[in-house]
Amino acid sequence: MPVRVDEALENIALPELLRHPREISSELHTHLRRLINDGVIAPGTELNQADLARRFNVSRIPMREAFRMLQQEGLIDVELNQRATVRALDADEVDQLYAMRITLESLGARITAGSMTDEEVRLAKGCLATMRKVKRRKDMTEWIAVHREFHRLCTARAGEALARTILSCSERTERYLRFGQRSHPDAFAAAEQEHQQILAALVDGDAHRAGTLMAEHLSHTATMVVTDLHADNQCATVQQALAMSGPDAPPH
């Protein structure tokens, strides 16, 4: 039986939303997205546009738009009666999303290798330092945000269309990354070392190594999460992406 959202949010304080009337839908989307990704609103929770609109004291129009954005990201399934359910974590979806990330971000890293500006390198090193600090504070929300920025810098020379697609895939894998980090807190240390190696290859201008390391880094996360969700899933799509972008891929 699905959990109602009012039960899920019973003890959660509402944020100070809607300071910018023109951005109501975006603010609602951002807040609900964070609650879903953090696991506060759990998979299977039933959401209702009208109920949530009353709870946040907004009209149903911006709430409908927020639902549309959540549905587009694959976070909820919306029914004709305007009720929605938070989607379950799905091993096959992880396999597909991370295969896309491996292919696209490996390409982005290859394009970027040897062409990062001094400022981009400085910012990337700053991201690594910040991730270490927030890891000690166990602030997963900030870690995720800085982690996303680090990956953006690693694919900084990707064109606008490629960068936009990479970001979309990254955002859609966020709750799986959070799930994996909650289940495997020790994974932070391995990820940190992989990030350092990726950045070193980018700075050295070694496109093949940068792309390979990026592909392997993402495949490690995918395999960890898929194994937790469905031990028999072989990550077939990720393995195909890794074959194209990983250590056995031909240098360009």
C-alpha atoms as a PDB file:
ATOM      1  CA  MET A   1       0.000   0.000   0.000  1.00  0.00           C
ATOM      2  CA  PRO A   2       1.509   3.363  -1.011  1.00  0.00           C
ATOM      3  CA  VAL A   3       2.492   5.838   1.683  1.00  0.00           C
ATOM      4  CA  ARG A   4       0.722   9.189   1.537  1.00  0.00           C
ATOM      5  CA  VAL A   5       2.940  12.226   1.231  1.00  0.00           C
ATOM      6  CA  ASP A   6       1.384  13.910   4.265  1.00  0.00           C
ATOM      7  CA  GLU A   7       2.596  10.970   6.362  1.00  0.00           C
ATOM      8  CA  ALA A   8       6.069  11.127   4.778  1.00  0.00           C
ATOM      9  CA  LEU A   9       6.380  14.866   5.469  1.00  0.00           C
ATOM     10  CA  GLU A  10       4.619  14.948   8.816  1.00  0.00           C
ATOM     11  CA  ASN A  11       7.742  15.931  10.779  1.00  0.00           C
ATOM     12  CA  ILE A  12       9.540  17.834   8.008  1.00  0.00           C
ATOM     13  CA  ALA A  13       9.586  21.614   8.275  1.00  0.00           C
ATOM     14  CA  LEU A  14       8.545  23.423   5.120  1.00  0.00           C
ATOM     15  CA  PRO A  15      11.241  25.616   3.557  1.00  0.00           C
ATOM     16  CA  GLU A  16      10.977  29.317   2.986  1.00  0.00           C
ATOM     17  CA  LEU A  17       9.771  28.984  -0.564  1.00  0.00           C
ATOM     18  CA  LEU A  18       8.288  31.268  -3.152  1.00  0.00           C
ATOM     19  CA  ARG A  19      10.304  34.403  -2.553  1.00  0.00           C
ATOM     20  CA  HIS A  20      10.365  34.837  -6.340  1.00  0.00           C
ATOM     21  CA  PRO A  21       6.831  34.439  -7.708  1.00  0.00           C
ATOM     22  CA  ARG A  22       8.055  33.875 -11.265  1.00  0.00           C
ATOM     23  CA  GLU A  23      10.115  30.905 -10.103  1.00  0.00           C
ATOM     24  CA  ILE A  24       7.480  29.100  -8.050  1.00  0.00           C
ATOM     25  CA  SER A  25       7.477  25.944 -10.213  1.00  0.00           C
ATOM     26  CA  SER A  26      11.243  25.753 -10.166  1.00  0.00           C
ATOM     27  CA  GLU A  27      11.405  26.190  -6.390  1.00  0.00           C
ATOM     28  CA  LEU A  28       8.727  23.555  -5.817  1.00  0.00           C
ATOM     29  CA  HIS A  29      10.497  21.165  -8.186  1.00  0.00           C
ATOM     30  CA  THR A  30      13.875  21.725  -6.521  1.00  0.00           C
ATOM     31  CA  HIS A  31      12.491  21.135  -3.034  1.00  0.00           C
ATOM     32  CA  LEU A  32      10.466  18.027  -3.909  1.00  0.00           C
ATOM     33  CA  ARG A  33      13.374  16.675  -5.937  1.00  0.00           C
ATOM     34  CA  ARG A  34      15.701  17.048  -2.961  1.00  0.00           C
ATOM     35  CA  LEU A  35      13.244  15.283  -0.643  1.00  0.00           C
ATOM     36  CA  ILE A  36      12.918  12.390  -3.103  1.00  0.00           C
ATOM     37  CA  ASN A  37      16.658  12.110  -3.709  1.00  0.00           C
ATOM     38  CA  ASP A  38      17.387  12.270   0.032  1.00  0.00           C
ATOM     39  CA  GLY A  39      14.894   9.476   0.657  1.00  0.00           C
ATOM     40  CA  VAL A  40      12.659  11.680   2.832  1.00  0.00           C
ATOM     41  CA  ILE A  41       9.860  10.969   0.358  1.00  0.00           C
ATOM     42  CA  ALA A  42      10.433   7.269  -0.174  1.00  0.00           C
ATOM     43  CA  PRO A  43       9.790   5.179  -3.300  1.00  0.00           C
ATOM     44  CA  GLY A  44       6.130   4.225  -3.452  1.00  0.00           C
ATOM     45  CA  THR A  45       4.947   7.422  -1.746  1.00  0.00           C
ATOM     46  CA  GLU A  46       1.751   8.787  -3.271  1.00  0.00           C
ATOM     47  CA  LEU A  47       1.749  12.473  -4.223  1.00  0.00           C
ATOM     48  CA  ASN A  48      -1.328  14.537  -5.014  1.00  0.00           C
ATOM     49  CA  GLN A  49      -1.114  17.880  -6.799  1.00  0.00           C
ATOM     50  CA  ALA A  50      -4.069  19.441  -5.008  1.00  0.00           C
ATOM     51  CA  ASP A  51      -2.952  18.305  -1.553  1.00  0.00           C
ATOM     52  CA  LEU A  52       0.608  19.528  -2.080  1.00  0.00           C
ATOM     53  CA  ALA A  53      -0.595  22.836  -3.528  1.00  0.00           C
ATOM     54  CA  ARG A  54      -2.619  23.444  -0.362  1.00  0.00           C
ATOM     55  CA  ARG A  55       0.298  22.392   1.823  1.00  0.00           C
ATOM     56  CA  PHE A  56       2.652  24.870   0.123  1.00  0.00           C
ATOM     57  CA  ASN A  57      -0.059  27.512  -0.245  1.00  0.00           C
ATOM     58  CA  VAL A  58       0.293  27.813  -4.018  1.00  0.00           C
ATOM     59  CA  SER A  59      -2.041  27.337  -6.953  1.00  0.00           C
ATOM     60  CA  ARG A  60      -2.225  24.009  -8.754  1.00  0.00           C
ATOM     61  CA  ILE A  61      -0.655  25.433 -11.939  1.00  0.00           C
ATOM     62  CA  PRO A  62       2.942  25.702 -10.646  1.00  0.00           C
ATOM     63  CA  MET A  63       2.541  22.416  -8.797  1.00  0.00           C
ATOM     64  CA  ARG A  64       1.452  20.759 -12.058  1.00  0.00           C
ATOM     65  CA  GLU A  65       4.565  22.140 -13.748  1.00  0.00           C
ATOM     66  CA  ALA A  66       6.759  20.888 -10.890  1.00  0.00           C
ATOM     67  CA  PHE A  67       5.215  17.433 -11.299  1.00  0.00           C
ATOM     68  CA  ARG A  68       5.924  17.580 -15.037  1.00  0.00           C
ATOM     69  CA  MET A  69       9.602  18.274 -14.366  1.00  0.00           C
ATOM     70  CA  LEU A  70       9.815  15.463 -11.803  1.00  0.00           C
ATOM     71  CA  GLN A  71       8.176  13.082 -14.266  1.00  0.00           C
ATOM     72  CA  GLN A  72      10.571  14.153 -17.013  1.00  0.00           C
ATOM     73  CA  GLU A  73      13.492  13.291 -14.714  1.00  0.00           C
ATOM     74  CA  GLY A  74      12.046   9.858 -14.084  1.00  0.00           C
ATOM     75  CA  LEU A  75      11.444  10.504 -10.384  1.00  0.00           C
ATOM     76  CA  ILE A  76       7.647  10.069 -10.386  1.00  0.00           C
ATOM     77  CA  ASP A  77       4.922   8.371 -12.402  1.00  0.00           C
ATOM     78  CA  VAL A  78       1.873  10.580 -12.948  1.00  0.00           C
ATOM     79  CA  GLU A  79      -1.634   9.232 -13.461  1.00  0.00           C
ATOM     80  CA  LEU A  80      -4.569  10.868 -15.237  1.00  0.00           C
ATOM     81  CA  ASN A  81      -6.213  11.758 -11.922  1.00  0.00           C
ATOM     82  CA  GLN A  82      -3.200  13.993 -11.141  1.00  0.00           C
ATOM     83  CA  ARG A  83      -1.971  11.624  -8.499  1.00  0.00           C
ATOM     84  CA  ALA A  84       1.620  10.503  -8.734  1.00  0.00           C
ATOM     85  CA  THR A  85       3.831   7.883  -7.147  1.00  0.00           C
ATOM     86  CA  VAL A  86       7.537   8.182  -6.459  1.00  0.00           C
ATOM     87  CA  ARG A  87       9.242   5.651  -8.701  1.00  0.00           C
ATOM     88  CA  ALA A  88      11.006   2.677  -7.190  1.00  0.00           C
ATOM     89  CA  LEU A  89      14.763   2.362  -7.447  1.00  0.00           C
ATOM     90  CA  ASP A  90      15.362   0.172 -10.475  1.00  0.00           C
ATOM     91  CA  ALA A  91      18.526  -1.776 -11.342  1.00  0.00           C
ATOM     92  CA  ASP A  92      17.787  -1.762 -15.081  1.00  0.00           C
ATOM     93  CA  GLU A  93      17.416   2.014 -15.024  1.00  0.00           C
ATOM     94  CA  VAL A  94      20.769   2.346 -13.242  1.00  0.00           C
ATOM     95  CA  ASP A  95      22.379   0.146 -15.899  1.00  0.00           C
ATOM     96  CA  GLN A  96      20.988   2.286 -18.718  1.00  0.00           C
ATOM     97  CA  LEU A  97      21.608   5.700 -17.148  1.00  0.00           C
ATOM     98  CA  TYR A  98      25.182   4.929 -16.166  1.00  0.00           C
ATOM     99  CA  ALA A  99      25.893   3.442 -19.589  1.00  0.00           C
ATOM    100  CA  MET A 100      24.884   6.794 -21.060  1.00  0.00           C
ATOM    101  CA  ARG A 101      27.037   8.653 -18.547  1.00  0.00           C
ATOM    102  CA  ILE A 102      30.041   6.416 -19.259  1.00  0.00           C
ATOM    103  CA  THR A 103      29.757   6.985 -22.998  1.00  0.00           C
ATOM    104  CA  LEU A 104      29.126  10.726 -22.847  1.00  0.00           C
ATOM    105  CA  GLU A 105      31.384  11.734 -19.959  1.00  0.00           C
ATOM    106  CA  SER A 106      34.246   9.622 -21.259  1.00  0.00           C
ATOM    107  CA  LEU A 107      33.923  11.480 -24.550  1.00  0.00           C
ATOM    108  CA  GLY A 108      33.719  14.801 -22.716  1.00  0.00           C
ATOM    109  CA  ALA A 109      36.881  13.981 -20.754  1.00  0.00           C
ATOM    110  CA  ARG A 110      38.748  13.054 -23.925  1.00  0.00           C
ATOM    111  CA  ILE A 111      37.732  16.335 -25.538  1.00  0.00           C
ATOM    112  CA  THR A 112      38.746  18.300 -22.437  1.00  0.00           C
ATOM    113  CA  ALA A 113      42.126  16.632 -21.816  1.00  0.00           C
ATOM    114  CA  GLY A 114      44.983  19.097 -22.204  1.00  0.00           C
ATOM    115  CA  SER A 115      42.722  22.117 -22.652  1.00  0.00           C
ATOM    116  CA  MET A 116      41.559  22.973 -19.137  1.00  0.00           C
ATOM    117  CA  THR A 117      42.390  26.544 -18.192  1.00  0.00           C
ATOM    118  CA  ASP A 118      44.463  27.303 -15.101  1.00  0.00           C
ATOM    119  CA  GLU A 119      41.287  28.615 -13.453  1.00  0.00           C
ATOM    120  CA  GLU A 120      39.357  25.422 -14.253  1.00  0.00           C
ATOM    121  CA  VAL A 121      42.162  23.294 -12.799  1.00  0.00           C
ATOM    122  CA  ARG A 122      42.193  25.482  -9.679  1.00  0.00           C
ATOM    123  CA  LEU A 123      38.432  25.128  -9.322  1.00  0.00           C
ATOM    124  CA  ALA A 124      38.566  21.362  -9.847  1.00  0.00           C
ATOM    125  CA  LYS A 125      41.235  21.002  -7.136  1.00  0.00           C
ATOM    126  CA  GLY A 126      39.057  23.178  -4.908  1.00  0.00           C
ATOM    127  CA  CYS A 127      36.144  20.821  -5.502  1.00  0.00           C
ATOM    128  CA  LEU A 128      38.249  17.868  -4.378  1.00  0.00           C
ATOM    129  CA  ALA A 129      39.274  19.704  -1.203  1.00  0.00           C
ATOM    130  CA  THR A 130      35.676  20.703  -0.467  1.00  0.00           C
ATOM    131  CA  MET A 131      34.430  17.150  -1.000  1.00  0.00           C
ATOM    132  CA  ARG A 132      36.933  15.925   1.592  1.00  0.00           C
ATOM    133  CA  LYS A 133      35.701  18.517   4.101  1.00  0.00           C
ATOM    134  CA  VAL A 134      31.982  17.872   3.648  1.00  0.00           C
ATOM    135  CA  LYS A 135      32.592  14.120   3.731  1.00  0.00           C
ATOM    136  CA  ARG A 136      33.882  14.525   7.278  1.00  0.00           C
ATOM    137  CA  ARG A 137      30.728  16.503   8.124  1.00  0.00           C
ATOM    138  CA  LYS A 138      28.642  13.792   6.442  1.00  0.00           C
ATOM    139  CA  ASP A 139      26.872  16.478   4.413  1.00  0.00           C
ATOM    140  CA  MET A 140      25.746  14.423   1.433  1.00  0.00           C
ATOM    141  CA  THR A 141      23.734  17.248  -0.122  1.00  0.00           C
ATOM    142  CA  GLU A 142      26.730  19.542  -0.423  1.00  0.00           C
ATOM    143  CA  TRP A 143      28.983  16.659  -1.466  1.00  0.00           C
ATOM    144  CA  ILE A 144      26.643  15.830  -4.340  1.00  0.00           C
ATOM    145  CA  ALA A 145      26.562  19.469  -5.514  1.00  0.00           C
ATOM    146  CA  VAL A 146      30.366  19.830  -5.448  1.00  0.00           C
ATOM    147  CA  HIS A 147      30.778  16.404  -7.038  1.00  0.00           C
ATOM    148  CA  ARG A 148      28.521  17.480  -9.899  1.00  0.00           C
ATOM    149  CA  GLU A 149      30.614  20.628 -10.399  1.00  0.00           C
ATOM    150  CA  PHE A 150      33.832  18.601 -10.449  1.00  0.00           C
ATOM    151  CA  HIS A 151      32.446  16.352 -13.177  1.00  0.00           C
ATOM    152  CA  ARG A 152      31.314  19.419 -15.136  1.00  0.00           C
ATOM    153  CA  LEU A 153      34.837  20.820 -15.036  1.00  0.00           C
ATOM    154  CA  CYS A 154      36.228  17.469 -16.205  1.00  0.00           C
ATOM    155  CA  THR A 155      34.099  17.782 -19.352  1.00  0.00           C
ATOM    156  CA  ALA A 156      34.470  21.555 -19.695  1.00  0.00           C
ATOM    157  CA  ARG A 157      35.263  21.479 -23.433  1.00  0.00           C
ATOM    158  CA  ALA A 158      32.166  19.472 -24.306  1.00  0.00           C
ATOM    159  CA  GLY A 159      29.899  21.533 -26.520  1.00  0.00           C
ATOM    160  CA  GLU A 160      26.621  22.957 -25.303  1.00  0.00           C
ATOM    161  CA  ALA A 161      24.429  20.104 -26.556  1.00  0.00           C
ATOM    162  CA  LEU A 162      26.727  17.411 -25.161  1.00  0.00           C
ATOM    163  CA  ALA A 163      27.136  19.244 -21.841  1.00  0.00           C
ATOM    164  CA  ARG A 164      23.356  19.601 -21.491  1.00  0.00           C
ATOM    165  CA  THR A 165      22.816  15.883 -22.090  1.00  0.00           C
ATOM    166  CA  ILE A 166      25.595  14.945 -19.650  1.00  0.00           C
ATOM    167  CA  LEU A 167      24.017  17.152 -16.975  1.00  0.00           C
ATOM    168  CA  SER A 168      20.601  15.585 -17.531  1.00  0.00           C
ATOM    169  CA  CYS A 169      22.018  12.070 -17.137  1.00  0.00           C
ATOM    170  CA  SER A 170      23.969  13.148 -14.056  1.00  0.00           C
ATOM    171  CA  GLU A 171      20.880  14.606 -12.402  1.00  0.00           C
ATOM    172  CA  ARG A 172      18.861  11.465 -13.119  1.00  0.00           C
ATOM    173  CA  THR A 173      21.485   9.275 -11.437  1.00  0.00           C
ATOM    174  CA  GLU A 174      21.692  11.463  -8.334  1.00  0.00           C
ATOM    175  CA  ARG A 175      19.345   9.489  -6.116  1.00  0.00           C
ATOM    176  CA  TYR A 176      21.125   6.275  -7.057  1.00  0.00           C
ATOM    177  CA  LEU A 177      24.443   7.841  -6.103  1.00  0.00           C
ATOM    178  CA  ARG A 178      22.962   8.896  -2.763  1.00  0.00           C
ATOM    179  CA  PHE A 179      21.570   5.400  -2.261  1.00  0.00           C
ATOM    180  CA  GLY A 180      24.987   3.890  -2.960  1.00  0.00           C
ATOM    181  CA  GLN A 181      26.799   6.267  -0.646  1.00  0.00           C
ATOM    182  CA  ARG A 182      24.341   5.577   2.181  1.00  0.00           C
ATOM    183  CA  SER A 183      24.873   1.837   1.755  1.00  0.00           C
ATOM    184  CA  HIS A 184      28.642   2.063   1.231  1.00  0.00           C
ATOM    185  CA  PRO A 185      30.113   5.027   3.132  1.00  0.00           C
ATOM    186  CA  ASP A 186      33.577   3.601   2.497  1.00  0.00           C
ATOM    187  CA  ALA A 187      33.081   4.286  -1.224  1.00  0.00           C
ATOM    188  CA  PHE A 188      34.013   7.939  -0.621  1.00  0.00           C
ATOM    189  CA  ALA A 189      37.713   7.085  -0.271  1.00  0.00           C
ATOM    190  CA  ALA A 190      37.845   5.102  -3.504  1.00  0.00           C
ATOM    191  CA  ALA A 191      35.955   7.826  -5.369  1.00  0.00           C
ATOM    192  CA  GLU A 192      38.351  10.483  -4.074  1.00  0.00           C
ATOM    193  CA  GLN A 193      41.368   8.620  -5.422  1.00  0.00           C
ATOM    194  CA  GLU A 194      39.654   8.094  -8.780  1.00  0.00           C
ATOM    195  CA  HIS A 195      38.803  11.791  -9.020  1.00  0.00           C
ATOM    196  CA  GLN A 196      42.434  12.727  -8.406  1.00  0.00           C
ATOM    197  CA  GLN A 197      43.611  10.345 -11.115  1.00  0.00           C
ATOM    198  CA  ILE A 198      41.080  11.684 -13.617  1.00  0.00           C
ATOM    199  CA  LEU A 199      42.123  15.274 -12.989  1.00  0.00           C
ATOM    200  CA  ALA A 200      45.819  14.380 -13.295  1.00  0.00           C
ATOM    201  CA  ALA A 201      45.212  12.757 -16.693  1.00  0.00           C
ATOM    202  CA  LEU A 202      43.237  15.787 -17.866  1.00  0.00           C
ATOM    203  CA  VAL A 203      45.994  18.176 -16.795  1.00  0.00           C
ATOM    204  CA  ASP A 204      48.637  15.962 -18.466  1.00  0.00           C
ATOM    205  CA  GLY A 205      46.665  16.023 -21.700  1.00  0.00           C
ATOM    206  CA  ASP A 206      46.341  12.227 -21.825  1.00  0.00           C
ATOM    207  CA  ALA A 207      42.958  11.961 -23.524  1.00  0.00           C
ATOM    208  CA  HIS A 208      42.843   8.164 -23.677  1.00  0.00           C
ATOM    209  CA  ARG A 209      43.719   7.762 -19.999  1.00  0.00           C
ATOM    210  CA  ALA A 210      41.302  10.510 -18.929  1.00  0.00           C
ATOM    211  CA  GLY A 211      38.448   8.894 -20.843  1.00  0.00           C
ATOM    212  CA  THR A 212      39.332   5.428 -19.563  1.00  0.00           C
ATOM    213  CA  LEU A 213      39.527   6.557 -15.942  1.00  0.00           C
ATOM    214  CA  MET A 214      36.208   8.394 -16.223  1.00  0.00           C
ATOM    215  CA  ALA A 215      34.538   5.302 -17.693  1.00  0.00           C
ATOM    216  CA  GLU A 216      35.918   3.031 -14.978  1.00  0.00           C
ATOM    217  CA  HIS A 217      35.001   5.492 -12.225  1.00  0.00           C
ATOM    218  CA  LEU A 218      31.364   5.637 -13.323  1.00  0.00           C
ATOM    219  CA  SER A 219      31.172   1.882 -13.878  1.00  0.00           C
ATOM    220  CA  HIS A 220      32.304   1.252 -10.288  1.00  0.00           C
ATOM    221  CA  THR A 221      29.387   3.300  -8.950  1.00  0.00           C
ATOM    222  CA  ALA A 222      26.920   1.647 -11.311  1.00  0.00           C
ATOM    223  CA  THR A 223      28.037  -1.867 -10.388  1.00  0.00           C
ATOM    224  CA  MET A 224      27.883  -1.108  -6.660  1.00  0.00           C
ATOM    225  CA  VAL A 225      24.344   0.257  -6.847  1.00  0.00           C
ATOM    226  CA  VAL A 226      23.006  -2.401  -9.231  1.00  0.00           C
ATOM    227  CA  THR A 227      24.391  -5.188  -7.043  1.00  0.00           C
ATOM    228  CA  ASP A 228      22.583  -3.738  -4.041  1.00  0.00           C
ATOM    229  CA  LEU A 229      19.305  -3.461  -5.948  1.00  0.00           C
ATOM    230  CA  HIS A 230      19.423  -6.726  -7.887  1.00  0.00           C
ATOM    231  CA  ALA A 231      22.367  -9.054  -7.304  1.00  0.00           C
ATOM    232  CA  ASP A 232      21.650 -11.087 -10.462  1.00  0.00           C
ATOM    233  CA  ASN A 233      21.741  -8.078 -12.786  1.00  0.00           C
ATOM    234  CA  GLN A 234      24.949  -8.270 -14.851  1.00  0.00           C
ATOM    235  CA  CYS A 235      25.050  -4.563 -15.864  1.00  0.00           C
ATOM    236  CA  ALA A 236      25.085  -5.609 -19.516  1.00  0.00           C
ATOM    237  CA  THR A 237      24.596  -2.088 -20.872  1.00  0.00           C
ATOM    238  CA  VAL A 238      27.271  -0.626 -18.613  1.00  0.00           C
ATOM    239  CA  GLN A 239      29.664  -3.370 -19.729  1.00  0.00           C
ATOM    240  CA  GLN A 240      29.041  -2.533 -23.376  1.00  0.00           C
ATOM    241  CA  ALA A 241      29.643   1.165 -22.697  1.00  0.00           C
ATOM    242  CA  LEU A 242      32.811   0.303 -20.806  1.00  0.00           C
ATOM    243  CA  ALA A 243      34.036  -1.798 -23.748  1.00  0.00           C
ATOM    244  CA  MET A 244      33.659   1.247 -25.991  1.00  0.00           C
ATOM    245  CA  SER A 245      35.084   3.812 -23.570  1.00  0.00           C
ATOM    246  CA  GLY A 246      37.210   1.901 -21.052  1.00  0.00           C
ATOM    247  CA  PRO A 247      40.732   0.482 -20.975  1.00  0.00           C
ATOM    248  CA  ASP A 248      40.256  -1.746 -24.020  1.00  0.00           C
ATOM    249  CA  ALA A 249      38.919   1.047 -26.195  1.00  0.00           C
ATOM    250  CA  PRO A 250      41.338   2.165 -28.923  1.00  0.00           C
ATOM    251  CA  PRO A 251      43.096   5.518 -28.366  1.00  0.00           C
ATOM    252  CA  HIS A 252      41.926   8.381 -30.566  1.00  0.00           C
END
